[in-house]
């Protein structure tokens, strides 16, 4: 399993951001096989973590035209800066 960690410093979020974020989550899960997508915003920071079965799914997601358009808007409007990490999940623990 792999995780994509997106961390950003927010510039300004508007209604179009929230509509786009919802659409991107749905697209990642329903079309590209993302198994879980978590996003948290606090003050001017955002972190999103999505989970994937393999790197091929992530590559296809990255190349999606609608996703690329959202990234372009994010760069120019919603975020001051951001970083993306792709990591392999080595172990997973749960409290239950």
PDB file of N, CA and C in Angstrom:
ATOM      1  N   UNK A   1       0.849  -1.174   0.000  1.00  0.00           N
ATOM      2  CA  UNK A   1       0.000   0.000   0.000  1.00  0.00           C
ATOM      3  C   UNK A   1       0.895   1.238   0.000  1.00  0.00           C
ATOM      4  N   UNK A   2       0.391   2.292  -0.655  1.00  0.00           N
ATOM      5  CA  UNK A   2       1.106   3.557  -0.748  1.00  0.00           C
ATOM      6  C   UNK A   2       0.210   4.688  -0.249  1.00  0.00           C
ATOM      7  N   UNK A   3       0.854   5.743   0.217  1.00  0.00           N
ATOM      8  CA  UNK A   3       0.129   6.942   0.639  1.00  0.00           C
ATOM      9  C   UNK A   3       0.722   8.140  -0.091  1.00  0.00           C
ATOM     10  N   UNK A   4      -0.153   9.028  -0.532  1.00  0.00           N
ATOM     11  CA  UNK A   4       0.264  10.300  -1.114  1.00  0.00           C
ATOM     12  C   UNK A   4      -0.067  11.364  -0.089  1.00  0.00           C
ATOM     13  N   UNK A   5       0.949  12.084   0.354  1.00  0.00           N
ATOM     14  CA  UNK A   5       0.782  13.121   1.369  1.00  0.00           C
ATOM     15  C   UNK A   5       0.947  14.479   0.696  1.00  0.00           C
ATOM     16  N   UNK A   6      -0.113  15.249   0.712  1.00  0.00           N
ATOM     17  CA  UNK A   6      -0.125  16.586   0.138  1.00  0.00           C
ATOM     18  C   UNK A   6      -0.198  17.571   1.301  1.00  0.00           C
ATOM     19  N   UNK A   7       0.779  18.450   1.402  1.00  0.00           N
ATOM     20  CA  UNK A   7       0.796  19.462   2.460  1.00  0.00           C
ATOM     21  C   UNK A   7       0.911  20.832   1.798  1.00  0.00           C
ATOM     22  N   UNK A   8       0.089  21.788   2.255  1.00  0.00           N
ATOM     23  CA  UNK A   8       0.076  23.092   1.599  1.00  0.00           C
ATOM     24  C   UNK A   8      -0.094  24.224   2.594  1.00  0.00           C
ATOM     25  N   UNK A   9       0.420  25.375   2.182  1.00  0.00           N
ATOM     26  CA  UNK A   9       0.140  26.624   2.869  1.00  0.00           C
ATOM     27  C   UNK A   9      -0.951  27.305   2.046  1.00  0.00           C
ATOM     28  N   UNK A  10      -2.059  27.601   2.688  1.00  0.00           N
ATOM     29  CA  UNK A  10      -3.232  28.132   1.992  1.00  0.00           C
ATOM     30  C   UNK A  10      -3.076  29.615   1.704  1.00  0.00           C
ATOM     31  N   UNK A  11      -3.453  29.983   0.498  1.00  0.00           N
ATOM     32  CA  UNK A  11      -3.533  31.381   0.111  1.00  0.00           C
ATOM     33  C   UNK A  11      -4.945  31.880   0.392  1.00  0.00           C
ATOM     34  N   UNK A  12      -5.925  31.343  -0.358  1.00  0.00           N
ATOM     35  CA  UNK A  12      -7.317  31.718  -0.144  1.00  0.00           C
ATOM     36  C   UNK A  12      -8.207  30.622  -0.711  1.00  0.00           C
ATOM     37  N   UNK A  13      -9.108  30.114   0.113  1.00  0.00           N
ATOM     38  CA  UNK A  13     -10.042  29.091  -0.326  1.00  0.00           C
ATOM     39  C   UNK A  13     -11.407  29.730  -0.546  1.00  0.00           C
ATOM     40  N   UNK A  14     -12.037  29.361  -1.647  1.00  0.00           N
ATOM     41  CA  UNK A  14     -13.359  29.877  -1.966  1.00  0.00           C
ATOM     42  C   UNK A  14     -14.304  28.704  -2.255  1.00  0.00           C
ATOM     43  N   UNK A  15     -15.538  29.014  -2.648  1.00  0.00           N
ATOM     44  CA  UNK A  15     -16.511  27.962  -2.908  1.00  0.00           C
ATOM     45  C   UNK A  15     -16.036  27.008  -3.998  1.00  0.00           C
ATOM     46  N   UNK A  16     -15.397  27.538  -5.025  1.00  0.00           N
ATOM     47  CA  UNK A  16     -14.927  26.670  -6.107  1.00  0.00           C
ATOM     48  C   UNK A  16     -13.881  25.676  -5.599  1.00  0.00           C
ATOM     49  N   UNK A  17     -13.100  26.075  -4.600  1.00  0.00           N
ATOM     50  CA  UNK A  17     -12.130  25.147  -4.012  1.00  0.00           C
ATOM     51  C   UNK A  17     -12.859  23.951  -3.396  1.00  0.00           C
ATOM     52  N   UNK A  18     -13.878  24.214  -2.591  1.00  0.00           N
ATOM     53  CA  UNK A  18     -14.577  23.132  -1.894  1.00  0.00           C
ATOM     54  C   UNK A  18     -15.311  22.214  -2.873  1.00  0.00           C
ATOM     55  N   UNK A  19     -15.892  22.798  -3.927  1.00  0.00           N
ATOM     56  CA  UNK A  19     -16.530  21.983  -4.962  1.00  0.00           C
ATOM     57  C   UNK A  19     -15.501  21.117  -5.679  1.00  0.00           C
ATOM     58  N   UNK A  20     -14.361  21.699  -6.002  1.00  0.00           N
ATOM     59  CA  UNK A  20     -13.294  20.971  -6.705  1.00  0.00           C
ATOM     60  C   UNK A  20     -12.703  19.889  -5.817  1.00  0.00           C
ATOM     61  N   UNK A  21     -12.476  20.189  -4.546  1.00  0.00           N
ATOM     62  CA  UNK A  21     -11.916  19.197  -3.622  1.00  0.00           C
ATOM     63  C   UNK A  21     -12.840  17.988  -3.509  1.00  0.00           C
ATOM     64  N   UNK A  22     -14.137  18.237  -3.424  1.00  0.00           N
ATOM     65  CA  UNK A  22     -15.109  17.142  -3.349  1.00  0.00           C
ATOM     66  C   UNK A  22     -15.050  16.301  -4.618  1.00  0.00           C
ATOM     67  N   UNK A  23     -15.005  16.962  -5.767  1.00  0.00           N
ATOM     68  CA  UNK A  23     -14.945  16.255  -7.051  1.00  0.00           C
ATOM     69  C   UNK A  23     -13.654  15.440  -7.169  1.00  0.00           C
ATOM     70  N   UNK A  24     -12.521  15.998  -6.738  1.00  0.00           N
ATOM     71  CA  UNK A  24     -11.243  15.287  -6.839  1.00  0.00           C
ATOM     72  C   UNK A  24     -11.244  14.037  -5.951  1.00  0.00           C
ATOM     73  N   UNK A  25     -11.819  14.155  -4.770  1.00  0.00           N
ATOM     74  CA  UNK A  25     -11.908  13.002  -3.871  1.00  0.00           C
ATOM     75  C   UNK A  25     -12.752  11.894  -4.527  1.00  0.00           C
ATOM     76  N   UNK A  26     -13.906  12.271  -5.064  1.00  0.00           N
ATOM     77  CA  UNK A  26     -14.784  11.300  -5.722  1.00  0.00           C
ATOM     78  C   UNK A  26     -14.088  10.642  -6.918  1.00  0.00           C
ATOM     79  N   UNK A  27     -13.401  11.436  -7.708  1.00  0.00           N
ATOM     80  CA  UNK A  27     -12.698  10.934  -8.882  1.00  0.00           C
ATOM     81  C   UNK A  27     -11.587   9.962  -8.483  1.00  0.00           C
ATOM     82  N   UNK A  28     -10.802  10.335  -7.483  1.00  0.00           N
ATOM     83  CA  UNK A  28      -9.696   9.475  -7.028  1.00  0.00           C
ATOM     84  C   UNK A  28     -10.216   8.124  -6.559  1.00  0.00           C
ATOM     85  N   UNK A  29     -11.300   8.140  -5.811  1.00  0.00           N
ATOM     86  CA  UNK A  29     -11.847   6.905  -5.246  1.00  0.00           C
ATOM     87  C   UNK A  29     -12.582   6.087  -6.311  1.00  0.00           C
ATOM     88  N   UNK A  30     -13.468   6.727  -7.052  1.00  0.00           N
ATOM     89  CA  UNK A  30     -14.346   5.995  -7.966  1.00  0.00           C
ATOM     90  C   UNK A  30     -13.712   5.614  -9.294  1.00  0.00           C
ATOM     91  N   UNK A  31     -12.746   6.380  -9.775  1.00  0.00           N
ATOM     92  CA  UNK A  31     -12.148   6.086 -11.081  1.00  0.00           C
ATOM     93  C   UNK A  31     -10.761   5.471 -10.980  1.00  0.00           C
ATOM     94  N   UNK A  32      -9.993   5.862  -9.956  1.00  0.00           N
ATOM     95  CA  UNK A  32      -8.588   5.454  -9.907  1.00  0.00           C
ATOM     96  C   UNK A  32      -8.245   4.490  -8.778  1.00  0.00           C
ATOM     97  N   UNK A  33      -9.204   4.115  -7.953  1.00  0.00           N
ATOM     98  CA  UNK A  33      -8.967   3.087  -6.957  1.00  0.00           C
ATOM     99  C   UNK A  33      -8.384   3.527  -5.640  1.00  0.00           C
ATOM    100  N   UNK A  34      -8.393   4.816  -5.363  1.00  0.00           N
ATOM    101  CA  UNK A  34      -7.957   5.297  -4.050  1.00  0.00           C
ATOM    102  C   UNK A  34      -8.838   4.617  -2.995  1.00  0.00           C
ATOM    103  N   UNK A  35      -8.207   4.082  -1.951  1.00  0.00           N
ATOM    104  CA  UNK A  35      -8.973   3.337  -0.952  1.00  0.00           C
ATOM    105  C   UNK A  35      -9.446   4.205   0.214  1.00  0.00           C
ATOM    106  N   UNK A  36      -8.781   5.341   0.419  1.00  0.00           N
ATOM    107  CA  UNK A  36      -9.138   6.222   1.529  1.00  0.00           C
ATOM    108  C   UNK A  36      -8.546   7.596   1.238  1.00  0.00           C
ATOM    109  N   UNK A  37      -9.286   8.652   1.582  1.00  0.00           N
ATOM    110  CA  UNK A  37      -8.831  10.011   1.307  1.00  0.00           C
ATOM    111  C   UNK A  37      -9.210  10.883   2.496  1.00  0.00           C
ATOM    112  N   UNK A  38      -8.213  11.408   3.182  1.00  0.00           N
ATOM    113  CA  UNK A  38      -8.429  12.212   4.390  1.00  0.00           C
ATOM    114  C   UNK A  38      -7.826  13.596   4.157  1.00  0.00           C
ATOM    115  N   UNK A  39      -8.557  14.638   4.539  1.00  0.00           N
ATOM    116  CA  UNK A  39      -8.047  15.986   4.377  1.00  0.00           C
ATOM    117  C   UNK A  39      -8.420  16.819   5.599  1.00  0.00           C
ATOM    118  N   UNK A  40      -7.453  17.609   6.084  1.00  0.00           N
ATOM    119  CA  UNK A  40      -7.669  18.447   7.264  1.00  0.00           C
ATOM    120  C   UNK A  40      -7.085  19.831   6.984  1.00  0.00           C
ATOM    121  N   UNK A  41      -7.850  20.858   7.363  1.00  0.00           N
ATOM    122  CA  UNK A  41      -7.386  22.234   7.239  1.00  0.00           C
ATOM    123  C   UNK A  41      -7.408  22.868   8.619  1.00  0.00           C
ATOM    124  N   UNK A  42      -6.316  23.539   8.952  1.00  0.00           N
ATOM    125  CA  UNK A  42      -6.225  24.249  10.233  1.00  0.00           C
ATOM    126  C   UNK A  42      -5.460  25.541  10.011  1.00  0.00           C
ATOM    127  N   UNK A  43      -6.082  26.645  10.380  1.00  0.00           N
ATOM    128  CA  UNK A  43      -5.526  27.970  10.135  1.00  0.00           C
ATOM    129  C   UNK A  43      -5.168  28.089   8.654  1.00  0.00           C
ATOM    130  N   UNK A  44      -3.909  28.305   8.314  1.00  0.00           N
ATOM    131  CA  UNK A  44      -3.534  28.451   6.906  1.00  0.00           C
ATOM    132  C   UNK A  44      -2.785  27.224   6.373  1.00  0.00           C
ATOM    133  N   UNK A  45      -3.012  26.070   6.981  1.00  0.00           N
ATOM    134  CA  UNK A  45      -2.346  24.826   6.565  1.00  0.00           C
ATOM    135  C   UNK A  45      -3.380  23.790   6.164  1.00  0.00           C
ATOM    136  N   UNK A  46      -3.022  23.003   5.179  1.00  0.00           N
ATOM    137  CA  UNK A  46      -3.862  21.879   4.760  1.00  0.00           C
ATOM    138  C   UNK A  46      -2.966  20.654   4.588  1.00  0.00           C
ATOM    139  N   UNK A  47      -3.483  19.505   4.989  1.00  0.00           N
ATOM    140  CA  UNK A  47      -2.804  18.248   4.723  1.00  0.00           C
ATOM    141  C   UNK A  47      -3.856  17.243   4.257  1.00  0.00           C
ATOM    142  N   UNK A  48      -3.533  16.557   3.186  1.00  0.00           N
ATOM    143  CA  UNK A  48      -4.404  15.522   2.652  1.00  0.00           C
ATOM    144  C   UNK A  48      -3.577  14.265   2.469  1.00  0.00           C
ATOM    145  N   UNK A  49      -4.143  13.149   2.851  1.00  0.00           N
ATOM    146  CA  UNK A  49      -3.470  11.863   2.673  1.00  0.00           C
ATOM    147  C   UNK A  49      -4.431  10.935   1.947  1.00  0.00           C
ATOM    148  N   UNK A  50      -3.961  10.400   0.838  1.00  0.00           N
ATOM    149  CA  UNK A  50      -4.760   9.423   0.100  1.00  0.00           C
ATOM    150  C   UNK A  50      -3.988   8.103   0.077  1.00  0.00           C
ATOM    151  N   UNK A  51      -4.729   7.012   0.094  1.00  0.00           N
ATOM    152  CA  UNK A  51      -4.128   5.676   0.151  1.00  0.00           C
ATOM    153  C   UNK A  51      -4.449   4.908  -1.127  1.00  0.00           C
ATOM    154  N   UNK A  52      -3.442   4.183  -1.624  1.00  0.00           N
ATOM    155  CA  UNK A  52      -3.519   3.513  -2.911  1.00  0.00           C
ATOM    156  C   UNK A  52      -2.918   2.115  -2.821  1.00  0.00           C
ATOM    157  N   UNK A  53      -3.433   1.196  -3.631  1.00  0.00           N
ATOM    158  CA  UNK A  53      -2.915  -0.171  -3.641  1.00  0.00           C
ATOM    159  C   UNK A  53      -1.557  -0.259  -4.322  1.00  0.00           C
ATOM    160  N   UNK A  54      -1.345   0.544  -5.385  1.00  0.00           N
ATOM    161  CA  UNK A  54      -0.056   0.461  -6.087  1.00  0.00           C
ATOM    162  C   UNK A  54       0.301   1.802  -6.730  1.00  0.00           C
ATOM    163  N   UNK A  55       1.538   1.897  -7.182  1.00  0.00           N
ATOM    164  CA  UNK A  55       2.035   3.141  -7.771  1.00  0.00           C
ATOM    165  C   UNK A  55       1.403   3.440  -9.126  1.00  0.00           C
ATOM    166  N   UNK A  56       0.974   2.417  -9.842  1.00  0.00           N
ATOM    167  CA  UNK A  56       0.328   2.627 -11.142  1.00  0.00           C
ATOM    168  C   UNK A  56      -0.955   3.439 -10.991  1.00  0.00           C
ATOM    169  N   UNK A  57      -1.729   3.157  -9.962  1.00  0.00           N
ATOM    170  CA  UNK A  57      -2.945   3.943  -9.706  1.00  0.00           C
ATOM    171  C   UNK A  57      -2.596   5.417  -9.482  1.00  0.00           C
ATOM    172  N   UNK A  58      -1.545   5.654  -8.729  1.00  0.00           N
ATOM    173  CA  UNK A  58      -1.115   7.025  -8.425  1.00  0.00           C
ATOM    174  C   UNK A  58      -0.682   7.732  -9.701  1.00  0.00           C
ATOM    175  N   UNK A  59       0.069   7.048 -10.561  1.00  0.00           N
ATOM    176  CA  UNK A  59       0.529   7.638 -11.822  1.00  0.00           C
ATOM    177  C   UNK A  59      -0.655   8.009 -12.711  1.00  0.00           C
ATOM    178  N   UNK A  60      -1.642   7.126 -12.793  1.00  0.00           N
ATOM    179  CA  UNK A  60      -2.832   7.416 -13.603  1.00  0.00           C
ATOM    180  C   UNK A  60      -3.593   8.604 -13.034  1.00  0.00           C
ATOM    181  N   UNK A  61      -3.712   8.661 -11.726  1.00  0.00           N
ATOM    182  CA  UNK A  61      -4.385   9.779 -11.051  1.00  0.00           C
ATOM    183  C   UNK A  61      -3.668  11.094 -11.345  1.00  0.00           C
ATOM    184  N   UNK A  62      -2.357  11.082 -11.266  1.00  0.00           N
ATOM    185  CA  UNK A  62      -1.569  12.293 -11.517  1.00  0.00           C
ATOM    186  C   UNK A  62      -1.765  12.804 -12.944  1.00  0.00           C
ATOM    187  N   UNK A  63      -1.960  11.898 -13.899  1.00  0.00           N
ATOM    188  CA  UNK A  63      -2.105  12.272 -15.309  1.00  0.00           C
ATOM    189  C   UNK A  63      -3.539  12.638 -15.710  1.00  0.00           C
ATOM    190  N   UNK A  64      -4.502  12.454 -14.818  1.00  0.00           N
ATOM    191  CA  UNK A  64      -5.894  12.751 -15.138  1.00  0.00           C
ATOM    192  C   UNK A  64      -6.049  14.233 -15.499  1.00  0.00           C
ATOM    193  N   UNK A  65      -6.716  14.501 -16.626  1.00  0.00           N
ATOM    194  CA  UNK A  65      -6.854  15.870 -17.128  1.00  0.00           C
ATOM    195  C   UNK A  65      -7.582  16.777 -16.131  1.00  0.00           C
ATOM    196  N   UNK A  66      -8.655  16.301 -15.552  1.00  0.00           N
ATOM    197  CA  UNK A  66      -9.421  17.102 -14.590  1.00  0.00           C
ATOM    198  C   UNK A  66      -8.586  17.393 -13.336  1.00  0.00           C
ATOM    199  N   UNK A  67      -7.806  16.406 -12.905  1.00  0.00           N
ATOM    200  CA  UNK A  67      -6.926  16.575 -11.754  1.00  0.00           C
ATOM    201  C   UNK A  67      -5.832  17.600 -12.070  1.00  0.00           C
ATOM    202  N   UNK A  68      -5.274  17.537 -13.275  1.00  0.00           N
ATOM    203  CA  UNK A  68      -4.246  18.498 -13.670  1.00  0.00           C
ATOM    204  C   UNK A  68      -4.789  19.923 -13.718  1.00  0.00           C
ATOM    205  N   UNK A  69      -6.038  20.083 -14.186  1.00  0.00           N
ATOM    206  CA  UNK A  69      -6.664  21.407 -14.197  1.00  0.00           C
ATOM    207  C   UNK A  69      -6.839  21.934 -12.776  1.00  0.00           C
ATOM    208  N   UNK A  70      -7.251  21.064 -11.857  1.00  0.00           N
ATOM    209  CA  UNK A  70      -7.397  21.465 -10.452  1.00  0.00           C
ATOM    210  C   UNK A  70      -6.046  21.855  -9.857  1.00  0.00           C
ATOM    211  N   UNK A  71      -5.001  21.114 -10.207  1.00  0.00           N
ATOM    212  CA  UNK A  71      -3.661  21.448  -9.718  1.00  0.00           C
ATOM    213  C   UNK A  71      -3.235  22.830 -10.207  1.00  0.00           C
ATOM    214  N   UNK A  72      -3.522  23.129 -11.456  1.00  0.00           N
ATOM    215  CA  UNK A  72      -3.159  24.422 -12.028  1.00  0.00           C
ATOM    216  C   UNK A  72      -3.852  25.572 -11.288  1.00  0.00           C
ATOM    217  N   UNK A  73      -5.128  25.402 -11.003  1.00  0.00           N
ATOM    218  CA  UNK A  73      -5.863  26.427 -10.247  1.00  0.00           C
ATOM    219  C   UNK A  73      -5.290  26.529  -8.837  1.00  0.00           C
ATOM    220  N   UNK A  74      -4.977  25.398  -8.226  1.00  0.00           N
ATOM    221  CA  UNK A  74      -4.392  25.399  -6.888  1.00  0.00           C
ATOM    222  C   UNK A  74      -3.100  26.192  -6.835  1.00  0.00           C
ATOM    223  N   UNK A  75      -2.253  25.996  -7.824  1.00  0.00           N
ATOM    224  CA  UNK A  75      -0.968  26.709  -7.873  1.00  0.00           C
ATOM    225  C   UNK A  75      -1.157  28.213  -8.015  1.00  0.00           C
ATOM    226  N   UNK A  76      -2.137  28.610  -8.830  1.00  0.00           N
ATOM    227  CA  UNK A  76      -2.294  30.035  -9.121  1.00  0.00           C
ATOM    228  C   UNK A  76      -3.218  30.776  -8.153  1.00  0.00           C
ATOM    229  N   UNK A  77      -4.080  30.019  -7.423  1.00  0.00           N
ATOM    230  CA  UNK A  77      -5.116  30.698  -6.653  1.00  0.00           C
ATOM    231  C   UNK A  77      -5.198  30.275  -5.182  1.00  0.00           C
ATOM    232  N   UNK A  78      -5.283  28.982  -4.918  1.00  0.00           N
ATOM    233  CA  UNK A  78      -5.628  28.508  -3.585  1.00  0.00           C
ATOM    234  C   UNK A  78      -4.434  28.342  -2.640  1.00  0.00           C
ATOM    235  N   UNK A  79      -3.257  28.048  -3.179  1.00  0.00           N
ATOM    236  CA  UNK A  79      -2.114  27.728  -2.321  1.00  0.00           C
ATOM    237  C   UNK A  79      -0.945  28.681  -2.542  1.00  0.00           C
ATOM    238  N   UNK A  80      -0.269  29.020  -1.454  1.00  0.00           N
ATOM    239  CA  UNK A  80       0.979  29.783  -1.552  1.00  0.00           C
ATOM    240  C   UNK A  80       2.109  28.842  -1.971  1.00  0.00           C
ATOM    241  N   UNK A  81       2.104  27.647  -1.388  1.00  0.00           N
ATOM    242  CA  UNK A  81       3.082  26.617  -1.743  1.00  0.00           C
ATOM    243  C   UNK A  81       2.554  25.273  -1.268  1.00  0.00           C
ATOM    244  N   UNK A  82       3.164  24.210  -1.775  1.00  0.00           N
ATOM    245  CA  UNK A  82       2.728  22.870  -1.386  1.00  0.00           C
ATOM    246  C   UNK A  82       3.863  21.877  -1.609  1.00  0.00           C
ATOM    247  N   UNK A  83       3.713  20.716  -1.023  1.00  0.00           N
ATOM    248  CA  UNK A  83       4.647  19.618  -1.267  1.00  0.00           C
ATOM    249  C   UNK A  83       3.840  18.328  -1.372  1.00  0.00           C
ATOM    250  N   UNK A  84       4.396  17.370  -2.097  1.00  0.00           N
ATOM    251  CA  UNK A  84       3.775  16.064  -2.260  1.00  0.00           C
ATOM    252  C   UNK A  84       4.820  15.000  -1.969  1.00  0.00           C
ATOM    253  N   UNK A  85       4.448  14.052  -1.137  1.00  0.00           N
ATOM    254  CA  UNK A  85       5.304  12.901  -0.855  1.00  0.00           C
ATOM    255  C   UNK A  85       4.527  11.636  -1.186  1.00  0.00           C
ATOM    256  N   UNK A  86       5.198  10.683  -1.810  1.00  0.00           N
ATOM    257  CA  UNK A  86       4.612   9.372  -2.043  1.00  0.00           C
ATOM    258  C   UNK A  86       5.432   8.390  -1.228  1.00  0.00           C
ATOM    259  N   UNK A  87       4.754   7.701  -0.314  1.00  0.00           N
ATOM    260  CA  UNK A  87       5.454   6.814   0.613  1.00  0.00           C
ATOM    261  C   UNK A  87       4.830   5.430   0.587  1.00  0.00           C
ATOM    262  N   UNK A  88       5.642   4.438   0.871  1.00  0.00           N
ATOM    263  CA  UNK A  88       5.131   3.078   1.000  1.00  0.00           C
ATOM    264  C   UNK A  88       4.783   2.838   2.464  1.00  0.00           C
ATOM    265  N   UNK A  89       3.593   2.351   2.704  1.00  0.00           N
ATOM    266  CA  UNK A  89       3.153   2.054   4.065  1.00  0.00           C
ATOM    267  C   UNK A  89       3.756   0.703   4.462  1.00  0.00           C
ATOM    268  N   UNK A  90       4.599   0.727   5.459  1.00  0.00           N
ATOM    269  CA  UNK A  90       5.317  -0.473   5.874  1.00  0.00           C
ATOM    270  C   UNK A  90       4.537  -1.265   6.931  1.00  0.00           C
ATOM    271  N   UNK A  91       3.910  -0.562   7.840  1.00  0.00           N
ATOM    272  CA  UNK A  91       3.138  -1.181   8.913  1.00  0.00           C
ATOM    273  C   UNK A  91       1.915  -0.329   9.188  1.00  0.00           C
ATOM    274  N   UNK A  92       0.899  -0.955   9.704  1.00  0.00           N
ATOM    275  CA  UNK A  92      -0.303  -0.229  10.074  1.00  0.00           C
ATOM    276  C   UNK A  92      -0.815  -0.799  11.389  1.00  0.00           C
ATOM    277  N   UNK A  93      -1.145   0.085  12.308  1.00  0.00           N
ATOM    278  CA  UNK A  93      -1.646  -0.319  13.607  1.00  0.00           C
ATOM    279  C   UNK A  93      -2.990   0.339  13.858  1.00  0.00           C
ATOM    280  N   UNK A  94      -3.850  -0.341  14.590  1.00  0.00           N
ATOM    281  CA  UNK A  94      -5.156   0.202  14.949  1.00  0.00           C
ATOM    282  C   UNK A  94      -5.394  -0.002  16.438  1.00  0.00           C
ATOM    283  N   UNK A  95      -6.221   0.842  17.015  1.00  0.00           N
ATOM    284  CA  UNK A  95      -6.509   0.733  18.438  1.00  0.00           C
ATOM    285  C   UNK A  95      -7.500  -0.390  18.761  1.00  0.00           C
ATOM    286  N   UNK A  96      -8.276  -0.816  17.793  1.00  0.00           N
ATOM    287  CA  UNK A  96      -9.283  -1.863  18.054  1.00  0.00           C
ATOM    288  C   UNK A  96      -8.707  -3.229  17.744  1.00  0.00           C
TER     289      UNK A  96
END
